[in-house]
Amino acid sequence: MKGKKTYFANSTGINNDALVMYFDMNSFFASCEQQRYPELRGKPIGVITHDSPNATVIAPSVEAKKFGVKTGMRLGDCKLLCPQIIPVTTHPGWYRQIHVDIMAVLHTYCDDVIAKSIDEAVINFSSYRWVYKDLSEVARLIKADITKKYDYLKCSIGIAPNSFLAKLATELQKPDGLVIINPINIDERLAGLQLTDLPGIAANNERRLKMIGITTPLQMRHSSPALLRKAFGGIVGDYWHRRLNFGEVDLLHNPENRTMSATRTVSREQRESRQMLESMLISLCTRLEQRMVKSNIFCRQVSFFIKYKDATGWDTAVKLSDPVQDAMELRSYIKERIIEFERSRNLETVFTNKVLSMGVAIQQFVKGDVLQYSLFDNKIKKDMIRKTMYNIKDRYGKNTVRKGSELFNPHVMHDAIGFGSVRDMGLGGNGEIRNKYLLEEDD
């Protein structure tokens, strides 16, 4: 436990009932902006992805929430509720840097930390039961460490016997909460909640539960597994019984990516230009290329979707005969399918001025260390050049060197927060993050 802050306890001081901690930053993106710009502190702000009167607020500050502003509302509607709201455009690189710093704080107390998203993490203290006397004290130390580094950021921490109940505990007291759920107080904690207050129970599940006579979380906890199987249609019912009775279901750490994706919503200006839409496809593929290079993996399947303003769309998936990492190769496979589709439907182009969003996803990964190259199409040199290029970007800045394919409309795809890319920000063996590229802002 080199470098760890340890608090050794005797056998009588250990609380074995609650060994999982869930960590949730409060109003994260808005608070990050208020941390960055002190003049915004204490004021209602709404974080938006682009400067437009019709922009969607992706994160209101605590002050804005008091006026009824919610995530997903249009800026114009927010101003009706809160005329003084201040729109602030996102700084994704800044959010990622804070995520990395906070994860480093958590790792000083426990090695078993899993980032669930850019602003949430679960910490499994099961192997530390003889190390820490009181996890609530550890939680207070974590809060203090974060405040030392970022004085305006607050978090809610839940402590419980499993990760589900620990996450539920974070929802019970915000902002800056610290709640413990254990076998003694769980019924009391559940008694004041609605079914939809449970993470993962939405309106459809609530309706199914009420159809069999379960109307509250407390009733749900004391129902039999058989009855819950009836409500959820199989083994999912067993999972819910275990969650509410201290069994662990959700604490599965799979560091390997099963899929990577890059998606973007298209602006009004972009959809009016076919060249911009074509460039966005290249940018999406390039973003995935970069992530694969930094993870040292290749993919054997690529998929593409495009959605239109009238709620229609088209998608395709291509299984690749050889593992691929290069962005332009991914793009060429997608373009082949697009051309086939356009011909079959007698369409001029799928890239019309009705495009709402598009995305590329890759699956079926092969580690670069075990990749077998074809004797007739040896790409070793290309792969080495690609890796060297990204090493240069990491060292001197991501715009220091560019591929030719990136020179057409290089800023067509603005940076996004990238909830799914938190794995790429994990610490490597040398204590540095694996993908520094994600910490840079777009020019």
Protein backbone atom coordinates (compact mmCIF):
# COMPACT_ATOMS: atom_id res chain seq x y z
CA MET A 1 0.00 0.00 0.00
CA LYS A 2 2.80 2.35 -0.91
CA GLY A 3 1.68 5.95 -0.96
CA LYS A 4 -1.69 5.15 0.59
CA LYS A 5 -3.24 6.97 3.54
CA THR A 6 -3.85 4.09 5.94
CA TYR A 7 -5.80 3.89 9.18
CA PHE A 8 -5.24 0.55 10.85
CA ALA A 9 -8.00 -0.64 13.09
CA ASN A 10 -8.48 -3.38 15.62
CA SER A 11 -10.95 -6.19 15.04
CA THR A 12 -13.61 -4.66 17.24
CA GLY A 13 -13.69 -1.35 15.39
CA ILE A 14 -14.45 -2.65 11.93
CA ASN A 15 -17.90 -2.22 10.37
CA ASN A 16 -18.17 -5.11 7.93
CA ASP A 17 -21.69 -4.20 6.84
CA ALA A 18 -20.81 -1.32 4.51
CA LEU A 19 -17.73 -1.77 2.35
CA VAL A 20 -18.71 -0.17 -0.95
CA MET A 21 -18.57 3.57 -1.54
CA TYR A 22 -20.27 5.36 -4.42
CA PHE A 23 -18.95 8.76 -5.42
CA ASP A 24 -21.05 11.29 -7.37
CA MET A 25 -19.97 14.82 -8.22
CA ASN A 26 -22.76 17.40 -7.81
CA SER A 27 -23.84 19.43 -10.88
CA PHE A 28 -20.47 18.47 -12.30
CA PHE A 29 -20.19 20.34 -15.59
CA ALA A 30 -21.75 23.52 -14.23
CA SER A 31 -19.59 23.38 -11.09
CA CYS A 32 -16.49 22.85 -13.24
CA GLU A 33 -17.32 26.06 -15.11
CA GLN A 34 -17.84 27.90 -11.82
CA GLN A 35 -14.52 26.51 -10.60
CA ARG A 36 -12.84 27.80 -13.76
CA TYR A 37 -14.58 31.18 -13.75
CA PRO A 38 -15.05 32.45 -10.16
CA GLU A 39 -17.29 35.27 -11.37
CA LEU A 40 -19.94 32.63 -12.17
CA ARG A 41 -20.06 31.25 -8.64
CA GLY A 42 -23.38 31.57 -6.87
CA LYS A 43 -25.11 32.45 -10.13
CA PRO A 44 -27.56 30.40 -12.20
CA ILE A 45 -25.75 29.07 -15.25
CA GLY A 46 -26.64 26.58 -17.97
CA VAL A 47 -23.90 24.65 -19.77
CA ILE A 48 -24.53 24.38 -23.53
CA THR A 49 -22.60 22.59 -26.26
CA HIS A 50 -22.74 25.49 -28.75
CA ASP A 51 -23.61 29.17 -28.68
CA SER A 52 -27.16 29.35 -30.01
CA PRO A 53 -30.50 30.72 -28.74
CA ASN A 54 -31.95 27.24 -29.40
CA ALA A 55 -29.16 25.34 -27.65
CA THR A 56 -29.99 22.60 -25.18
CA VAL A 57 -28.82 23.00 -21.59
CA ILE A 58 -26.89 19.83 -20.77
CA ALA A 59 -26.14 20.84 -17.18
CA PRO A 60 -27.77 23.52 -15.01
CA SER A 61 -25.99 24.80 -11.92
CA VAL A 62 -27.40 24.27 -8.43
CA GLU A 63 -28.62 27.87 -8.51
CA ALA A 64 -30.43 27.35 -11.84
CA LYS A 65 -32.07 24.14 -10.60
CA LYS A 66 -33.76 26.14 -7.83
CA PHE A 67 -35.74 27.96 -10.56
CA GLY A 68 -36.88 24.68 -12.12
CA VAL A 69 -34.25 24.50 -14.86
CA LYS A 70 -33.55 20.88 -15.80
CA THR A 71 -31.11 19.02 -18.00
CA GLY A 72 -32.32 18.78 -21.61
CA MET A 73 -34.36 21.98 -21.63
CA ARG A 74 -33.98 24.48 -24.46
CA LEU A 75 -32.19 27.65 -23.49
CA GLY A 76 -35.24 29.76 -24.39
CA ASP A 77 -37.45 27.71 -22.07
CA CYS A 78 -34.85 28.02 -19.31
CA LYS A 79 -34.93 31.80 -19.62
CA LEU A 80 -38.69 31.78 -19.09
CA LEU A 81 -38.12 30.08 -15.73
CA CYS A 82 -34.91 31.91 -14.89
CA PRO A 83 -34.41 35.14 -16.91
CA GLN A 84 -30.99 35.74 -15.34
CA ILE A 85 -29.54 32.36 -16.38
CA ILE A 86 -26.06 32.64 -17.92
CA PRO A 87 -25.31 30.28 -20.84
CA VAL A 88 -21.77 28.88 -20.80
CA THR A 89 -20.30 26.74 -23.59
CA THR A 90 -18.64 23.47 -22.64
CA HIS A 91 -14.93 22.86 -22.02
CA PRO A 92 -14.72 19.03 -22.26
CA GLY A 93 -10.94 18.90 -21.84
CA TRP A 94 -11.27 20.76 -18.54
CA TYR A 95 -13.92 18.34 -17.29
CA ARG A 96 -11.73 15.38 -18.19
CA GLN A 97 -8.72 16.88 -16.40
CA ILE A 98 -10.78 17.29 -13.24
CA HIS A 99 -12.02 13.70 -13.63
CA VAL A 100 -8.43 12.47 -13.80
CA ASP A 101 -7.43 14.50 -10.75
CA ILE A 102 -10.40 13.24 -8.73
CA MET A 103 -9.72 9.64 -9.69
CA ALA A 104 -6.15 10.14 -8.49
CA VAL A 105 -7.51 11.28 -5.12
CA LEU A 106 -9.73 8.19 -4.85
CA HIS A 107 -6.79 5.93 -5.71
CA THR A 108 -4.84 7.25 -2.72
CA TYR A 109 -7.37 5.50 -0.48
CA CYS A 110 -8.13 2.33 -2.45
CA ASP A 111 -6.77 0.50 -5.48
CA ASP A 112 -10.16 -0.91 -6.49
CA VAL A 113 -11.77 2.17 -8.07
CA ILE A 114 -14.05 1.91 -11.09
CA ALA A 115 -15.05 5.02 -13.01
CA LYS A 116 -18.72 4.62 -13.89
CA SER A 117 -18.85 7.89 -15.84
CA ILE A 118 -16.97 11.16 -16.00
CA ASP A 119 -18.53 12.29 -12.70
CA GLU A 120 -19.22 9.01 -10.87
CA ALA A 121 -17.14 6.19 -9.48
CA VAL A 122 -17.57 3.16 -7.27
CA ILE A 123 -14.90 2.20 -4.72
CA ASN A 124 -14.78 -1.35 -3.40
CA PHE A 125 -13.27 -1.44 0.09
CA SER A 126 -13.94 -5.16 0.59
CA SER A 127 -10.22 -5.94 0.65
CA TYR A 128 -9.61 -3.09 3.09
CA ARG A 129 -11.84 -4.26 5.92
CA TRP A 130 -8.84 -4.42 8.31
CA VAL A 131 -7.34 -1.16 7.09
CA TYR A 132 -10.01 1.47 7.67
CA LYS A 133 -11.79 1.87 10.96
CA ASP A 134 -14.67 3.94 9.62
CA LEU A 135 -15.53 4.53 5.95
CA SER A 136 -17.52 7.63 6.81
CA GLU A 137 -14.28 9.18 8.03
CA VAL A 138 -12.59 8.14 4.79
CA ALA A 139 -15.43 9.82 2.88
CA ARG A 140 -14.87 13.05 4.79
CA LEU A 141 -11.14 12.89 4.03
CA ILE A 142 -11.90 12.39 0.32
CA LYS A 143 -14.20 15.42 0.35
CA ALA A 144 -11.49 17.48 2.06
CA ASP A 145 -8.84 16.40 -0.46
CA ILE A 146 -11.06 17.41 -3.37
CA THR A 147 -11.80 20.77 -1.76
CA LYS A 148 -8.06 21.41 -1.36
CA LYS A 149 -7.58 21.00 -5.10
CA TYR A 150 -10.90 22.38 -6.38
CA ASP A 151 -12.47 24.55 -3.74
CA TYR A 152 -15.86 24.97 -5.46
CA LEU A 153 -16.58 21.34 -6.32
CA LYS A 154 -18.87 19.26 -4.11
CA CYS A 155 -19.71 15.57 -4.14
CA SER A 156 -22.23 13.21 -2.62
CA ILE A 157 -20.94 9.93 -1.22
CA GLY A 158 -22.97 6.84 -0.40
CA ILE A 159 -21.72 3.90 1.67
CA ALA A 160 -23.48 0.53 1.69
CA PRO A 161 -22.95 -3.25 1.53
CA ASN A 162 -23.25 -3.22 -2.28
CA SER A 163 -22.77 -0.76 -5.13
CA PHE A 164 -26.48 -0.39 -5.92
CA LEU A 165 -27.41 0.70 -2.41
CA ALA A 166 -24.33 2.92 -2.24
CA LYS A 167 -25.45 4.66 -5.44
CA LEU A 168 -28.96 5.01 -4.04
CA ALA A 169 -27.45 6.62 -0.93
CA THR A 170 -25.85 9.37 -3.05
CA GLU A 171 -29.31 10.31 -4.33
CA LEU A 172 -30.71 10.81 -0.82
CA GLN A 173 -28.69 13.89 0.08
CA LYS A 174 -27.53 16.48 -2.44
CA PRO A 175 -25.44 18.50 -2.68
CA ASP A 176 -22.44 17.53 -0.55
CA GLY A 177 -24.15 14.50 0.97
CA LEU A 178 -22.81 11.60 3.00
CA VAL A 179 -25.32 8.81 3.58
CA ILE A 180 -24.84 5.29 4.90
CA ILE A 181 -27.26 2.44 4.19
CA ASN A 182 -26.82 -0.69 6.30
CA PRO A 183 -28.94 -3.63 7.55
CA ILE A 184 -30.10 -1.59 10.52
CA ASN A 185 -31.44 1.47 8.70
CA ILE A 186 -32.29 0.21 5.20
CA ASP A 187 -36.05 -0.11 5.83
CA GLU A 188 -36.14 3.40 7.22
CA ARG A 189 -34.22 4.72 4.19
CA LEU A 190 -36.56 2.99 1.74
CA ALA A 191 -39.76 3.93 3.54
CA GLY A 192 -39.86 7.48 2.22
CA LEU A 193 -39.06 6.64 -1.42
CA GLN A 194 -41.11 6.01 -4.54
CA LEU A 195 -40.34 3.09 -6.86
CA THR A 196 -38.93 5.44 -9.49
CA ASP A 197 -36.48 6.81 -6.91
CA LEU A 198 -34.56 3.54 -7.26
CA PRO A 199 -31.79 3.79 -9.90
CA GLY A 200 -32.91 1.66 -12.85
CA ILE A 201 -36.65 1.71 -12.10
CA ALA A 202 -38.39 3.84 -14.72
CA ALA A 203 -42.10 4.23 -15.50
CA ASN A 204 -42.40 0.90 -17.35
CA ASN A 205 -40.88 -1.11 -14.50
CA GLU A 206 -42.97 0.80 -11.98
CA ARG A 207 -46.11 -0.15 -13.87
CA ARG A 208 -45.14 -3.83 -13.98
CA LEU A 209 -44.43 -3.86 -10.25
CA LYS A 210 -47.72 -2.20 -9.39
CA MET A 211 -49.59 -4.74 -11.53
CA ILE A 212 -48.51 -7.47 -9.09
CA GLY A 213 -49.19 -5.40 -6.00
CA ILE A 214 -45.74 -3.92 -5.27
CA THR A 215 -46.18 -0.17 -4.83
CA THR A 216 -43.15 0.90 -2.74
CA PRO A 217 -39.41 0.12 -2.55
CA LEU A 218 -39.96 -1.28 0.94
CA GLN A 219 -42.52 -3.77 -0.37
CA MET A 220 -40.15 -4.60 -3.21
CA ARG A 221 -37.32 -5.39 -0.79
CA HIS A 222 -39.50 -7.76 1.24
CA SER A 223 -41.03 -9.51 -1.78
CA SER A 224 -39.92 -13.01 -2.70
CA PRO A 225 -37.55 -13.63 -5.60
CA ALA A 226 -40.34 -15.57 -7.33
CA LEU A 227 -42.68 -12.58 -7.21
CA LEU A 228 -40.00 -10.25 -8.55
CA ARG A 229 -39.22 -12.71 -11.34
CA LYS A 230 -42.88 -12.48 -12.28
CA ALA A 231 -42.65 -8.69 -12.43
CA PHE A 232 -39.39 -8.49 -14.39
CA GLY A 233 -39.74 -11.63 -16.46
CA GLY A 234 -36.93 -13.89 -15.33
CA ILE A 235 -33.50 -13.60 -13.75
CA VAL A 236 -33.70 -9.81 -13.60
CA GLY A 237 -36.13 -10.27 -10.74
CA ASP A 238 -33.51 -12.27 -8.85
CA TYR A 239 -31.02 -9.44 -9.42
CA TRP A 240 -33.40 -6.91 -7.88
CA HIS A 241 -34.01 -9.12 -4.86
CA ARG A 242 -30.26 -9.45 -4.33
CA ARG A 243 -29.65 -5.70 -4.73
CA LEU A 244 -32.21 -4.78 -2.10
CA ASN A 245 -30.99 -7.50 0.28
CA PHE A 246 -27.28 -6.60 0.22
CA GLY A 247 -26.14 -8.96 -2.54
CA GLU A 248 -23.70 -7.62 -5.15
CA VAL A 249 -24.87 -7.62 -8.76
CA ASP A 250 -23.42 -4.53 -10.41
CA LEU A 251 -19.82 -4.40 -9.19
CA LEU A 252 -18.29 -6.07 -12.21
CA HIS A 253 -15.07 -4.49 -13.39
CA ASN A 254 -14.44 -5.25 -17.06
CA PRO A 255 -11.63 -2.98 -18.19
CA GLU A 256 -11.84 -4.20 -21.76
CA ASN A 257 -13.92 -2.16 -24.18
CA ARG A 258 -16.67 -4.16 -25.86
CA THR A 259 -17.47 -1.27 -28.16
CA MET A 260 -16.26 2.22 -28.93
CA SER A 261 -18.41 4.84 -30.57
CA ALA A 262 -18.28 8.43 -31.76
CA THR A 263 -21.50 10.30 -32.44
CA ARG A 264 -22.42 13.90 -33.11
CA THR A 265 -25.56 15.97 -33.54
CA VAL A 266 -25.35 18.06 -36.70
CA SER A 267 -25.78 21.84 -36.61
CA ARG A 268 -27.90 23.81 -39.05
CA GLU A 269 -24.79 25.12 -40.84
CA GLN A 270 -23.27 21.65 -41.16
CA ARG A 271 -26.34 19.97 -42.60
CA GLU A 272 -26.46 22.54 -45.41
CA SER A 273 -23.05 21.42 -46.69
CA ARG A 274 -22.52 17.94 -48.06
CA GLN A 275 -18.75 18.47 -47.76
CA MET A 276 -19.09 19.22 -44.05
CA LEU A 277 -21.14 16.07 -43.51
CA GLU A 278 -18.57 14.00 -45.40
CA SER A 279 -15.83 15.62 -43.29
CA MET A 280 -17.71 14.79 -40.13
CA LEU A 281 -17.71 11.11 -41.11
CA ILE A 282 -13.92 11.30 -41.47
CA SER A 283 -13.65 13.06 -38.10
CA LEU A 284 -15.76 10.39 -36.39
CA CYS A 285 -13.54 7.66 -37.81
CA THR A 286 -10.41 9.61 -36.87
CA ARG A 287 -11.59 9.96 -33.29
CA LEU A 288 -12.02 6.17 -33.09
CA GLU A 289 -8.64 5.62 -34.74
CA GLN A 290 -7.00 7.72 -32.04
CA ARG A 291 -8.70 5.78 -29.25
CA MET A 292 -7.68 2.45 -30.79
CA VAL A 293 -4.06 3.55 -31.19
CA LYS A 294 -3.85 4.64 -27.55
CA SER A 295 -5.48 1.37 -26.42
CA ASN A 296 -3.31 -0.70 -28.78
CA ILE A 297 -6.28 -2.46 -30.35
CA PHE A 298 -7.74 -3.07 -33.81
CA CYS A 299 -11.38 -3.72 -34.69
CA ARG A 300 -13.06 -6.41 -36.79
CA GLN A 301 -16.44 -4.73 -37.18
CA VAL A 302 -17.57 -1.20 -37.93
CA SER A 303 -21.11 0.17 -37.96
CA PHE A 304 -22.60 3.48 -39.04
CA PHE A 305 -25.91 5.23 -38.48
CA ILE A 306 -27.46 8.42 -39.77
CA LYS A 307 -30.67 10.00 -38.43
CA TYR A 308 -32.86 12.65 -40.04
CA LYS A 309 -35.06 15.42 -38.70
CA ASP A 310 -38.23 13.52 -39.68
CA ALA A 311 -37.28 10.65 -37.30
CA THR A 312 -36.22 8.35 -40.16
CA GLY A 313 -32.72 6.98 -40.56
CA TRP A 314 -30.43 4.30 -41.90
CA ASP A 315 -27.72 2.13 -40.40
CA THR A 316 -25.32 -0.56 -41.50
CA ALA A 317 -22.67 -2.87 -40.04
CA VAL A 318 -19.61 -4.29 -41.78
CA LYS A 319 -17.63 -7.31 -40.64
CA LEU A 320 -13.99 -6.80 -41.62
CA SER A 321 -11.91 -9.60 -43.07
CA ASP A 322 -8.77 -8.21 -41.41
CA PRO A 323 -8.51 -6.13 -38.21
CA VAL A 324 -8.46 -2.39 -38.95
CA GLN A 325 -7.23 0.66 -37.07
CA ASP A 326 -6.85 3.30 -39.78
CA ALA A 327 -9.59 5.94 -39.99
CA MET A 328 -9.65 6.15 -43.77
CA GLU A 329 -9.99 2.38 -44.04
CA LEU A 330 -12.99 2.53 -41.71
CA ARG A 331 -14.41 5.36 -43.78
CA SER A 332 -13.91 3.44 -47.04
CA TYR A 333 -15.87 0.42 -45.75
CA ILE A 334 -18.69 2.70 -44.62
CA LYS A 335 -18.68 4.60 -47.92
CA GLU A 336 -18.99 1.34 -49.86
CA ARG A 337 -22.16 0.52 -47.96
CA ILE A 338 -23.48 4.07 -48.37
CA ILE A 339 -22.98 3.94 -52.13
CA GLU A 340 -24.72 0.55 -52.34
CA PHE A 341 -27.65 1.93 -50.36
CA GLU A 342 -27.88 5.08 -52.48
CA ARG A 343 -27.94 3.02 -55.69
CA SER A 344 -30.53 0.58 -54.38
CA ARG A 345 -32.86 3.45 -53.41
CA ASN A 346 -31.97 5.69 -56.35
CA LEU A 347 -30.81 8.40 -53.96
CA GLU A 348 -28.44 11.19 -54.86
CA THR A 349 -26.89 11.15 -51.37
CA VAL A 350 -27.64 10.19 -47.78
CA PHE A 351 -25.92 13.41 -46.68
CA THR A 352 -28.89 15.70 -47.17
CA ASN A 353 -29.86 18.93 -45.42
CA LYS A 354 -32.24 16.89 -43.25
CA VAL A 355 -29.47 15.09 -41.33
CA LEU A 356 -29.90 15.37 -37.57
CA SER A 357 -27.04 13.19 -36.29
CA MET A 358 -24.63 10.46 -37.29
CA GLY A 359 -22.33 8.04 -35.56
CA VAL A 360 -19.70 5.35 -36.05
CA ALA A 361 -19.11 2.40 -33.71
CA ILE A 362 -16.47 -0.32 -33.69
CA GLN A 363 -16.53 -3.76 -32.07
CA GLN A 364 -14.75 -7.13 -31.91
CA PHE A 365 -11.33 -5.92 -30.83
CA VAL A 366 -7.98 -7.58 -31.36
CA LYS A 367 -4.98 -6.63 -29.23
CA GLY A 368 -2.10 -5.17 -31.21
CA ASP A 369 0.32 -7.44 -29.35
CA VAL A 370 -1.25 -10.57 -30.85
CA LEU A 371 -2.21 -9.16 -34.26
CA GLN A 372 -1.17 -11.39 -37.15
CA TYR A 373 -0.33 -9.56 -40.36
CA SER A 374 -1.09 -10.89 -43.82
CA LEU A 375 1.87 -11.94 -45.94
CA PHE A 376 0.36 -10.17 -48.94
CA ASP A 377 -0.65 -6.90 -47.30
CA ASN A 378 1.84 -6.13 -44.57
CA LYS A 379 0.76 -2.97 -42.73
CA ILE A 380 3.44 -2.99 -40.04
CA LYS A 381 5.09 0.22 -41.27
CA LYS A 382 1.78 2.06 -41.59
CA ASP A 383 0.80 1.01 -38.10
CA MET A 384 4.16 2.14 -36.69
CA ILE A 385 3.87 5.53 -38.42
CA ARG A 386 0.34 5.97 -37.07
CA LYS A 387 1.47 5.19 -33.53
CA THR A 388 4.43 7.58 -33.86
CA MET A 389 2.12 10.35 -35.09
CA TYR A 390 -0.07 10.08 -32.01
CA ASN A 391 2.96 9.99 -29.73
CA ILE A 392 4.01 13.30 -31.29
CA LYS A 393 0.50 14.68 -30.73
CA ASP A 394 0.66 13.61 -27.08
CA ARG A 395 4.02 15.26 -26.54
CA TYR A 396 3.61 18.50 -28.47
CA GLY A 397 -0.16 18.97 -28.85
CA LYS A 398 -2.80 17.24 -30.92
CA ASN A 399 -2.68 19.81 -33.72
CA THR A 400 1.13 19.71 -34.10
CA VAL A 401 0.83 17.13 -36.86
CA ARG A 402 -2.21 16.16 -38.89
CA LYS A 403 -3.04 13.51 -41.45
CA GLY A 404 -4.02 14.79 -44.87
CA SER A 405 -7.57 13.53 -44.32
CA GLU A 406 -7.90 15.89 -41.33
CA LEU A 407 -7.19 19.04 -43.33
CA PHE A 408 -10.64 19.32 -44.91
CA ASN A 409 -12.91 21.17 -42.48
CA PRO A 410 -10.67 20.20 -39.52
CA HIS A 411 -13.01 21.83 -36.98
CA VAL A 412 -16.24 20.36 -38.32
CA MET A 413 -16.54 18.09 -35.27
CA HIS A 414 -16.26 20.01 -32.02
CA ASP A 415 -15.13 18.20 -28.92
CA ALA A 416 -17.80 16.49 -26.84
CA ILE A 417 -17.78 15.36 -23.25
CA GLY A 418 -17.51 11.69 -24.14
CA PHE A 419 -19.06 9.84 -21.22
CA GLY A 420 -18.04 6.51 -22.67
CA SER A 421 -14.37 7.42 -22.99
CA VAL A 422 -13.55 7.49 -19.27
CA ARG A 423 -11.76 4.15 -19.65
CA ASP A 424 -9.30 5.91 -21.96
CA MET A 425 -8.41 8.29 -19.14
CA GLY A 426 -7.40 5.51 -16.76
CA LEU A 427 -3.95 5.65 -15.19
CA GLY A 428 -1.21 3.58 -16.75
CA GLY A 429 1.56 1.74 -14.95
CA ASN A 430 3.66 4.92 -14.76
CA GLY A 431 0.87 6.83 -13.03
CA GLU A 432 0.08 8.92 -16.12
CA ILE A 433 -3.19 8.78 -18.02
CA ARG A 434 -3.12 6.61 -21.12
CA ASN A 435 -4.72 9.17 -23.41
CA LYS A 436 -3.52 12.75 -22.85
CA TYR A 437 -5.17 13.74 -26.13
CA LEU A 438 -8.51 13.78 -24.31
CA LEU A 439 -7.36 16.55 -21.98
CA GLU A 440 -6.78 19.11 -24.74
CA GLU A 441 -9.40 21.62 -25.79
CA ASP A 442 -10.29 22.09 -29.45
CA ASP A 443 -8.72 25.14 -31.09
